[in-house]
Every structure is written in structure tokens, then in C-alpha cells.
């Protein structure tokens, strides 16, 4: 299956405070003690590192390594100090080598109080070196620490599971975080939703990924997510010609521009004999859509008469004239005609008047008024239902932009 989704790269980043945090933690914790012969050069290393005199710091670390009869805890602390120096030097491969040596030689010497911070740093460094197996091992240790990892560490763990191919594990943690946020009345963290969607794509769960993408659009309102869901909507099986037009109108309002391939789809539907929405087609031509229909000029010239004739015609006439008025940018007229259509018999698609009313209100900037109207629309099929949902996300976000994180 060829995925419709473009996945963002999930990159591990080393925290700005990693170097400082590692050095601060190099003070001997309660419990094991560094032997005096090792402590002396490490104290010199710490002082040099604080002055950013890295050659002197590394030389002192080498002196510590030369001390005979070192304990396992001595070796652990020597490698920790060396890691701190390499981080200060921005030598992340060297830092990764030192932390690996510190943790893997004898994990039993790592003080319980150190585990959360030191394994988090180890996870970050291993991830930066693309050592996925090593990072995964550290992530699993972090999962078992007490107290449980904080939100930032959880995000690192989830990203590590994803990169290691444990999509089910990554999804389980991320979904638990999302459910907890929703239950608390808070926004889910975007990285959790991103991981869930990416894992669904990897597992060929296109329907699940599309649902998660809609959640991202409704919650975070980023242009990247909007562009992706709009492209998916336009290629969904079951789209009617009028649905293509509705999506074109939404994309134009939401993004201010339309991709040429999308403009071709929308413009072709609008130009069709079935719809004859030449105003919409002309708008799409500006973005690379098909050439205008030869009938467009006469249609636009006759629009005032079409609007005036609405009073003596049935509901279907009024709603089709409302669609035309919208296409020509006469949004107030479109709203009025669609409301009139609701009072008259003959409307073939009962969802159309409310849809046009809501779109016309949105185009006039009346987003708060448009939202409840869209809630009453009863779509013709699942593809149409998605179009309605996307319009709903758009107007609700515009009505209350503080509900969507940027």
C-alpha cells in the first residue's frame, strides 16, 4: 500500500542543560564513595571543565584512569566526568562512548537516585548517534524508574520506541498520555499525536492515521496538517462534484492558496455541466485550474436577475443560485438565498442549504455563527461527512483561536 501520508522526521535533541546537569551530578551521591586517589584528579577535571579548559580536564580524567586498584564505582564516575567534558566540547560521539562505558560495565553501581537523569542523558546521546538498539535498552530502563518519568522523558522514550520499530509500544504510551490529557480537560501533547499517527502509517492503518490527523488539525491547527488532510480529503473515494467545490472553498479560506493539482480537481468539478459553478472555477484558474467555461461571462452578467427571480421560484432554484452567488464572492446574497431555499419546497439535497449558509457566514467572517449551522448538516456519505468536519474545525478554530495551539 502506498501511504497518503508524509511523515515528519523524529529527531532526538540533547537538552541544553545536559552538560551542566551531568557535571552537577558528578558530585559523589549518597552511598558509594570515590576513592581518594581517584577523587583528586576528578576534582581537577571538574574545575578545568567549569573553566572550559577541556584539554586540561581530559588530561586529569586520564590521570584518574591510571590510578591502580580502582573500584567499579570509581570507573563509573570517571566515565561520567569524561562524558561531561565531551559534552562541553560538543563532542557528542565521544560523550556517547563514555556514557556507554559508565553504564554498561557494571550497572549495579549506578545509584538509584542517579538513574533517571543519567539514563535520560544516555538515551539522548545514543539517539543522536542513531544507536537505536542501545537507546531502546536505556528507554526500557527509564520506563521502570521510580518515580515514573516526567512528560519530557516520556516523549524521549516514545520517540525511541518508534525509531526502534516498536510501534505498538510507542502508540500505547502516547495514547495513554493523550487519554490522560483529555480526561483532565487539557490539550494532548502534539508529539504524542504525531507519534501515534506515524506509527499508524508504519503499520498500514490508514484509517486510524487519518482520524489522528483530523485530531491534530482540530487541536493544533498547523498549516502542514491542514495541507495534508486537505489533499487526503480530495482523493477520498465517494467525493461528489459539489464536495470538491466545498473543499476548494475551504482550502482557499483556510490557506489563502490552492495547489495547482487541487485547483484542477476543484475547477473541473465546478465547470461540469452538472454544477455549472463558473465563479468557483474562475477562482481555481488563478491557482492553476482549468480554463474558464465559455458560458462564465454570460452567467455572471445574469446573476442579478437570477437572484431577483428567487422569490418566485422553488427551493432548488434558490439554493443553486446561492451556490453561484458564493462562487462570485457575493457571500451575503448566497446566505440570504440559502435561507430562502430552506423555506421553500423542492430542495433535492436537504444538507445543501445549511452548508451554503455556514460557508457564506464563514466567508463573511462570522465564524461563531457558522459553527452551530454546520452541526446541523447531515452529510450524504462518509466522504461528504469529512468535508463537513473539516469546515467545522476551521470555523471553530477561527471563532476561538486560543483553543488551538500554534
Protein backbone atom coordinates (compact mmCIF):
# COMPACT_ATOMS: atom_id res chain seq x y z
CA UNK A 1 0.00 0.00 0.00
CA UNK A 2 1.30 3.44 -0.86
CA UNK A 3 0.73 5.74 2.06
CA UNK A 4 -1.02 9.08 1.57
CA UNK A 5 0.99 10.49 4.45
CA UNK A 6 4.26 12.38 4.55
CA UNK A 7 5.94 11.66 7.87
CA UNK A 8 7.96 14.31 9.64
CA UNK A 9 11.37 13.20 10.86
CA UNK A 10 11.53 12.46 14.56
CA UNK A 11 14.93 13.67 15.74
CA UNK A 12 16.43 13.34 19.18
CA UNK A 13 17.83 16.53 20.64
CA UNK A 14 20.23 16.87 23.50
CA UNK A 15 18.91 19.18 26.20
CA UNK A 16 20.69 22.49 26.57
CA UNK A 17 21.34 21.73 30.21
CA UNK A 18 22.80 18.29 29.64
CA UNK A 19 26.42 19.32 30.18
CA UNK A 20 25.66 21.30 33.30
CA UNK A 21 23.38 18.60 34.65
CA UNK A 22 25.98 15.88 34.11
CA UNK A 23 28.70 17.85 35.90
CA UNK A 24 26.38 18.77 38.76
CA UNK A 25 25.56 15.12 39.20
CA UNK A 26 29.26 14.26 39.33
CA UNK A 27 29.37 15.18 42.99
CA UNK A 28 29.57 11.84 44.80
CA UNK A 29 25.99 10.84 45.64
CA UNK A 30 24.97 9.32 48.92
CA UNK A 31 26.06 5.70 49.18
CA UNK A 32 29.19 4.67 47.25
CA UNK A 33 32.30 6.81 47.63
CA UNK A 34 35.05 7.63 45.15
CA UNK A 35 38.44 6.54 46.41
CA UNK A 36 40.66 9.46 47.37
CA UNK A 37 43.29 8.66 44.75
CA UNK A 38 40.63 8.92 42.01
CA UNK A 39 38.77 11.83 43.55
CA UNK A 40 41.81 14.12 43.46
CA UNK A 41 42.28 14.18 39.63
CA UNK A 42 38.50 14.22 39.10
CA UNK A 43 38.27 17.36 41.22
CA UNK A 44 40.90 18.90 38.95
CA UNK A 45 38.89 17.74 35.92
CA UNK A 46 35.75 19.34 37.24
CA UNK A 47 37.45 22.66 37.90
CA UNK A 48 39.02 22.68 34.43
CA UNK A 49 35.75 21.74 32.78
CA UNK A 50 33.95 24.58 34.54
CA UNK A 51 36.55 26.94 33.04
CA UNK A 52 36.07 25.29 29.63
CA UNK A 53 39.70 24.23 29.68
CA UNK A 54 38.85 20.91 28.07
CA UNK A 55 42.39 19.66 27.31
CA UNK A 56 43.28 20.06 30.99
CA UNK A 57 40.02 18.38 32.02
CA UNK A 58 40.68 15.38 29.77
CA UNK A 59 44.27 15.13 31.00
CA UNK A 60 43.01 14.98 34.57
CA UNK A 61 40.48 12.28 33.62
CA UNK A 62 43.33 10.24 32.13
CA UNK A 63 45.22 10.59 35.41
CA UNK A 64 42.17 9.18 37.21
CA UNK A 65 42.07 6.24 34.80
CA UNK A 66 45.73 5.50 35.60
CA UNK A 67 45.05 5.04 39.33
CA UNK A 68 45.55 1.36 40.27
CA UNK A 69 43.03 -0.78 42.15
CA UNK A 70 40.02 1.29 41.15
CA UNK A 71 36.57 0.19 42.29
CA UNK A 72 33.67 -0.31 39.84
CA UNK A 73 32.15 2.89 41.23
CA UNK A 74 35.42 4.75 40.54
CA UNK A 75 35.24 3.63 36.92
CA UNK A 76 31.59 4.69 36.68
CA UNK A 77 32.37 8.20 37.94
CA UNK A 78 35.48 8.55 35.76
CA UNK A 79 33.40 7.87 32.64
CA UNK A 80 30.69 10.25 33.85
CA UNK A 81 33.20 13.05 34.27
CA UNK A 82 34.67 12.26 30.85
CA UNK A 83 31.20 12.37 29.33
CA UNK A 84 30.63 15.83 30.81
CA UNK A 85 33.85 17.11 29.29
CA UNK A 86 32.97 15.75 25.84
CA UNK A 87 29.50 17.34 26.03
CA UNK A 88 31.13 20.65 26.89
CA UNK A 89 33.34 20.22 23.83
CA UNK A 90 30.24 19.44 21.71
CA UNK A 91 31.83 16.06 21.01
CA UNK A 92 28.66 14.01 21.22
CA UNK A 93 30.13 10.79 19.78
CA UNK A 94 32.82 10.91 22.45
CA UNK A 95 30.21 11.64 25.14
CA UNK A 96 28.12 8.69 23.93
CA UNK A 97 31.15 6.38 24.18
CA UNK A 98 31.87 7.49 27.74
CA UNK A 99 28.29 7.17 29.00
CA UNK A 100 28.04 3.72 27.44
CA UNK A 101 31.20 2.69 29.27
CA UNK A 102 29.88 4.19 32.51
CA UNK A 103 26.59 2.31 32.40
CA UNK A 104 27.40 -0.95 30.70
CA UNK A 105 30.47 -2.10 32.65
CA UNK A 106 28.58 -2.63 35.91
CA UNK A 107 25.02 -1.19 36.01
CA UNK A 108 24.66 -2.24 39.63
CA UNK A 109 26.93 0.60 40.77
CA UNK A 110 24.59 3.30 39.39
CA UNK A 111 22.92 4.89 42.44
CA UNK A 112 19.13 4.69 42.38
CA UNK A 113 18.89 8.46 42.75
CA UNK A 114 21.04 8.91 39.61
CA UNK A 115 19.17 6.56 37.30
CA UNK A 116 16.54 8.92 35.92
CA UNK A 117 18.98 11.68 34.97
CA UNK A 118 21.90 9.55 33.80
CA UNK A 119 19.84 7.14 31.69
CA UNK A 120 17.96 10.07 30.16
CA UNK A 121 21.28 11.61 29.08
CA UNK A 122 22.43 8.20 27.82
CA UNK A 123 19.22 7.83 25.83
CA UNK A 124 19.66 11.26 24.25
CA UNK A 125 23.27 10.61 23.31
CA UNK A 126 22.56 7.15 21.88
CA UNK A 127 19.68 8.57 19.85
CA UNK A 128 21.88 11.31 18.43
CA UNK A 129 24.33 8.64 17.25
CA UNK A 130 21.43 6.62 15.78
CA UNK A 131 22.30 3.73 18.09
CA UNK A 132 18.69 2.59 18.18
CA UNK A 133 19.27 -0.72 19.95
CA UNK A 134 21.29 0.97 22.69
CA UNK A 135 18.75 3.78 23.01
CA UNK A 136 15.94 1.24 23.27
CA UNK A 137 17.70 -0.54 26.13
CA UNK A 138 18.11 2.75 28.00
CA UNK A 139 14.47 3.69 27.31
CA UNK A 140 13.22 0.46 28.87
CA UNK A 141 15.32 1.11 31.99
CA UNK A 142 13.91 4.64 32.20
CA UNK A 143 10.37 3.28 31.98
CA UNK A 144 10.97 1.32 35.16
CA UNK A 145 12.40 4.17 37.23
CA UNK A 146 10.66 5.45 40.35
CA UNK A 147 9.04 7.94 40.36
CA UNK A 148 7.76 7.47 36.79
CA UNK A 149 9.44 9.55 34.06
CA UNK A 150 8.25 13.12 33.59
CA UNK A 151 6.49 14.27 30.41
CA UNK A 152 9.70 15.33 28.68
CA UNK A 153 11.36 11.98 29.37
CA UNK A 154 8.22 10.14 28.31
CA UNK A 155 8.41 11.92 24.96
CA UNK A 156 12.03 10.75 24.56
CA UNK A 157 11.02 7.19 25.40
CA UNK A 158 8.12 7.22 22.95
CA UNK A 159 10.34 8.58 20.16
CA UNK A 160 12.94 5.91 20.89
CA UNK A 161 10.39 3.10 20.73
CA UNK A 162 9.15 4.47 17.41
CA UNK A 163 12.62 4.71 15.88
CA UNK A 164 13.40 1.18 17.07
CA UNK A 165 10.31 -0.12 15.25
CA UNK A 166 8.26 -0.82 18.39
CA UNK A 167 5.23 1.00 17.00
CA UNK A 168 2.75 -0.75 19.29
CA UNK A 169 4.80 0.18 22.35
CA UNK A 170 5.19 3.79 21.22
CA UNK A 171 1.48 4.07 20.47
CA UNK A 172 0.46 2.56 23.81
CA UNK A 173 2.42 5.14 25.82
CA UNK A 174 1.44 8.07 23.60
CA UNK A 175 -2.24 7.08 23.64
CA UNK A 176 -2.16 6.77 27.42
CA UNK A 177 -0.78 10.31 27.59
CA UNK A 178 -3.46 11.58 25.19
CA UNK A 179 -6.26 9.89 27.13
CA UNK A 180 -4.98 11.34 30.40
CA UNK A 181 -4.84 14.84 28.91
CA UNK A 182 -8.36 14.60 27.52
CA UNK A 183 -9.68 13.27 30.83
CA UNK A 184 -8.09 16.25 32.58
CA UNK A 185 -9.62 18.69 30.11
CA UNK A 186 -6.23 19.56 28.63
CA UNK A 187 -4.83 19.53 25.09
CA UNK A 188 -2.91 16.38 24.19
CA UNK A 189 0.79 16.97 23.60
CA UNK A 190 1.36 17.31 19.85
CA UNK A 191 4.37 14.97 19.83
CA UNK A 192 2.15 12.19 21.24
CA UNK A 193 -0.37 12.64 18.44
CA UNK A 194 2.44 12.83 15.87
CA UNK A 195 3.90 9.54 17.13
CA UNK A 196 0.50 7.83 17.12
CA UNK A 197 -0.14 8.91 13.52
CA UNK A 198 3.35 7.98 12.35
CA UNK A 199 3.04 4.54 13.98
CA UNK A 200 -0.34 4.00 12.35
CA UNK A 201 1.14 4.85 8.96
CA UNK A 202 4.03 2.44 9.53
CA UNK A 203 1.53 -0.28 10.42
CA UNK A 204 -0.57 0.49 7.31
CA UNK A 205 -3.51 1.68 9.43
CA UNK A 206 -4.50 4.44 7.02
CA UNK A 207 -7.98 4.92 8.52
CA UNK A 208 -6.54 5.30 12.00
CA UNK A 209 -3.86 7.70 10.76
CA UNK A 210 -6.46 9.85 9.01
CA UNK A 211 -8.51 10.03 12.20
CA UNK A 212 -5.45 11.06 14.20
CA UNK A 213 -4.55 13.67 11.58
CA UNK A 214 -8.03 15.16 11.95
CA UNK A 215 -7.44 15.36 15.70
CA UNK A 216 -4.18 17.21 15.03
CA UNK A 217 -5.96 19.63 12.71
CA UNK A 218 -8.75 20.29 15.20
CA UNK A 219 -6.35 20.65 18.14
CA UNK A 220 -3.25 22.35 16.77
CA UNK A 221 -4.38 23.98 13.52
CA UNK A 222 -0.95 23.85 11.84
CA UNK A 223 -0.73 24.56 8.13
CA UNK A 224 1.27 21.40 7.49
CA UNK A 225 -1.51 19.24 8.93
CA UNK A 226 -4.18 21.21 7.08
CA UNK A 227 -2.37 20.75 3.77
CA UNK A 228 -2.11 17.03 4.35
CA UNK A 229 -5.72 16.44 5.41
CA UNK A 230 -6.98 18.61 2.54
CA UNK A 231 -5.07 16.52 0.00
CA UNK A 232 -6.38 13.33 1.57
CA UNK A 233 -9.96 14.62 1.52
CA UNK A 234 -9.73 15.50 -2.17
CA UNK A 235 -8.60 11.97 -3.04
CA UNK A 236 -11.16 10.15 -0.89
CA UNK A 237 -13.48 7.69 -2.61
CA UNK A 238 -17.09 8.86 -2.64
CA UNK A 239 -16.45 12.58 -3.11
CA UNK A 240 -19.27 14.22 -5.09
CA UNK A 241 -18.63 17.07 -7.50
CA UNK A 242 -20.12 19.52 -5.00
CA UNK A 243 -17.81 18.16 -2.27
CA UNK A 244 -14.79 19.06 -4.40
CA UNK A 245 -16.14 22.59 -4.69
CA UNK A 246 -16.75 22.79 -0.94
CA UNK A 247 -13.18 21.65 -0.29
CA UNK A 248 -11.84 24.22 -2.76
CA UNK A 249 -13.71 26.96 -0.95
CA UNK A 250 -12.38 25.74 2.40
CA UNK A 251 -8.77 25.50 1.23
CA UNK A 252 -8.91 28.99 -0.21
CA UNK A 253 -10.33 30.45 3.02
CA UNK A 254 -8.05 28.45 5.31
CA UNK A 255 -4.74 28.65 3.45
CA UNK A 256 -5.23 31.58 1.06
CA UNK A 257 -3.86 29.48 -1.78
CA UNK A 258 -4.58 26.20 -3.56
CA UNK A 259 -2.11 23.73 -5.07
CA UNK A 260 -2.43 23.55 -8.85
CA UNK A 261 -3.31 19.84 -8.74
CA UNK A 262 -6.08 20.54 -6.23
CA UNK A 263 -7.24 23.55 -8.23
CA UNK A 264 -7.59 21.29 -11.27
CA UNK A 265 -9.79 18.84 -9.35
CA UNK A 266 -11.98 21.58 -7.89
CA UNK A 267 -12.14 23.65 -11.06
CA UNK A 268 -13.08 20.68 -13.23
CA UNK A 269 -15.92 19.77 -10.86
CA UNK A 270 -17.14 23.37 -10.75
CA UNK A 271 -17.06 23.67 -14.56
CA UNK A 272 -19.00 20.46 -15.08
CA UNK A 273 -22.42 20.60 -16.73
CA UNK A 274 -23.86 19.10 -13.55
CA UNK A 275 -22.85 22.09 -11.43
CA UNK A 276 -22.01 25.00 -13.73
CA UNK A 277 -20.38 26.93 -10.86
CA UNK A 278 -18.30 29.11 -13.12
CA UNK A 279 -17.35 31.58 -10.40
CA UNK A 280 -15.69 28.84 -8.36
CA UNK A 281 -13.97 27.57 -11.50
CA UNK A 282 -12.63 31.06 -12.27
CA UNK A 283 -11.20 31.29 -8.75
CA UNK A 284 -9.44 27.96 -9.20
CA UNK A 285 -7.96 29.13 -12.51
CA UNK A 286 -5.94 31.71 -10.53
CA UNK A 287 -4.20 28.79 -8.82
CA UNK A 288 -3.59 26.72 -11.97
CA UNK A 289 -7.03 25.21 -12.51
CA UNK A 290 -8.71 24.68 -15.90
CA UNK A 291 -9.61 27.49 -18.27
CA UNK A 292 -12.97 29.18 -17.67
CA UNK A 293 -16.05 27.84 -19.38
CA UNK A 294 -17.25 29.97 -22.35
CA UNK A 295 -20.59 30.36 -20.56
CA UNK A 296 -18.99 32.02 -17.50
CA UNK A 297 -19.26 35.64 -18.66
CA UNK A 298 -22.95 35.41 -19.53
CA UNK A 299 -23.67 33.57 -16.28
CA UNK A 300 -22.01 36.26 -14.18
CA UNK A 301 -23.80 39.03 -16.07
CA UNK A 302 -27.18 37.38 -15.46
CA UNK A 303 -26.59 36.80 -11.72
CA UNK A 304 -28.52 39.90 -10.54
CA UNK A 305 -31.58 38.69 -12.44
CA UNK A 306 -31.12 35.14 -11.12
CA UNK A 307 -31.08 36.50 -7.57
CA UNK A 308 -34.16 38.66 -8.17
CA UNK A 309 -36.06 35.68 -9.62
CA UNK A 310 -35.51 33.68 -6.46
CA UNK A 311 -38.67 34.95 -4.82
CA UNK A 312 -40.89 33.38 -7.47
CA UNK A 313 -39.02 30.09 -7.74
CA UNK A 314 -38.72 26.95 -5.62
CA UNK A 315 -36.10 25.89 -3.08
CA UNK A 316 -33.86 24.10 -5.60
CA UNK A 317 -33.64 27.23 -7.76
CA UNK A 318 -32.71 29.34 -4.75
CA UNK A 319 -30.03 27.00 -3.45
CA UNK A 320 -28.40 26.64 -6.86
CA UNK A 321 -28.42 30.44 -7.24
CA UNK A 322 -26.92 30.67 -3.74
CA UNK A 323 -24.09 28.37 -4.84
CA UNK A 324 -23.45 30.58 -7.87
CA UNK A 325 -23.51 33.75 -5.76
CA UNK A 326 -20.93 32.27 -3.39
CA UNK A 327 -18.66 31.40 -6.32
CA UNK A 328 -18.75 35.01 -7.48
CA UNK A 329 -17.89 36.27 -3.99
CA UNK A 330 -21.38 37.57 -3.17
CA UNK A 331 -21.50 35.89 0.22
CA UNK A 332 -24.31 37.89 1.79
CA UNK A 333 -26.53 37.15 -1.23
CA UNK A 334 -25.56 33.47 -1.03
CA UNK A 335 -26.53 33.33 2.64
CA UNK A 336 -29.89 35.04 2.00
CA UNK A 337 -30.74 32.77 -0.94
CA UNK A 338 -29.83 29.64 1.01
CA UNK A 339 -32.04 30.72 3.91
CA UNK A 340 -34.86 31.35 1.44
CA UNK A 341 -34.31 27.87 -0.04
CA UNK A 342 -34.98 26.35 3.39
CA UNK A 343 -38.44 27.94 3.44
CA UNK A 344 -39.47 26.60 0.03
CA UNK A 345 -40.19 23.11 -1.31
CA UNK A 346 -38.16 21.31 -3.94
CA UNK A 347 -34.64 21.22 -2.47
CA UNK A 348 -33.09 17.93 -3.66
CA UNK A 349 -30.21 17.77 -1.18
CA UNK A 350 -31.50 18.71 2.29
CA UNK A 351 -27.94 19.26 3.56
CA UNK A 352 -27.11 21.86 0.90
CA UNK A 353 -28.89 24.97 2.28
CA UNK A 354 -27.28 24.73 5.71
CA UNK A 355 -23.91 24.00 4.15
CA UNK A 356 -24.11 27.11 1.97
CA UNK A 357 -25.35 29.22 4.89
CA UNK A 358 -22.41 28.10 7.04
CA UNK A 359 -19.83 28.64 4.27
CA UNK A 360 -21.27 32.08 3.47
CA UNK A 361 -21.18 33.10 7.13
CA UNK A 362 -17.56 31.94 7.38
CA UNK A 363 -16.62 33.84 4.23
CA UNK A 364 -18.10 36.96 5.86
CA UNK A 365 -16.01 36.36 8.98
CA UNK A 366 -18.99 35.25 11.07
CA UNK A 367 -17.31 32.08 12.32
CA UNK A 368 -19.16 31.77 15.63
CA UNK A 369 -22.48 31.88 13.74
CA UNK A 370 -21.32 29.32 11.19
CA UNK A 371 -20.30 26.62 13.69
CA UNK A 372 -23.76 25.68 15.02
CA UNK A 373 -25.16 25.64 11.48
CA UNK A 374 -22.56 23.07 10.44
CA UNK A 375 -23.54 20.93 13.41
CA UNK A 376 -26.97 20.51 11.82
CA UNK A 377 -25.70 19.35 8.42
CA UNK A 378 -26.46 15.70 7.67
CA UNK A 379 -23.86 14.58 5.09
CA UNK A 380 -24.69 12.31 2.16
CA UNK A 381 -21.83 9.83 2.71
CA UNK A 382 -18.56 9.38 4.66
CA UNK A 383 -16.53 11.44 2.19
CA UNK A 384 -19.02 14.30 2.46
CA UNK A 385 -19.00 13.92 6.25
CA UNK A 386 -15.26 14.57 6.31
CA UNK A 387 -15.72 17.75 4.30
CA UNK A 388 -18.28 18.96 6.84
CA UNK A 389 -15.97 18.07 9.75
CA UNK A 390 -13.08 19.99 8.20
CA UNK A 391 -15.26 23.05 7.72
CA UNK A 392 -16.32 22.68 11.34
CA UNK A 393 -12.72 22.52 12.60
CA UNK A 394 -11.93 25.61 10.55
CA UNK A 395 -14.79 27.81 11.76
CA UNK A 396 -14.46 26.73 15.40
CA UNK A 397 -10.75 27.49 15.39
CA UNK A 398 -11.34 30.87 13.76
CA UNK A 399 -14.14 31.63 16.22
CA UNK A 400 -11.90 30.80 19.18
CA UNK A 401 -8.24 30.73 18.07
CA UNK A 402 -6.97 30.34 21.64
CA UNK A 403 -8.26 26.75 21.69
CA UNK A 404 -5.72 25.71 19.05
CA UNK A 405 -2.04 25.66 19.91
CA UNK A 406 0.26 27.22 17.34
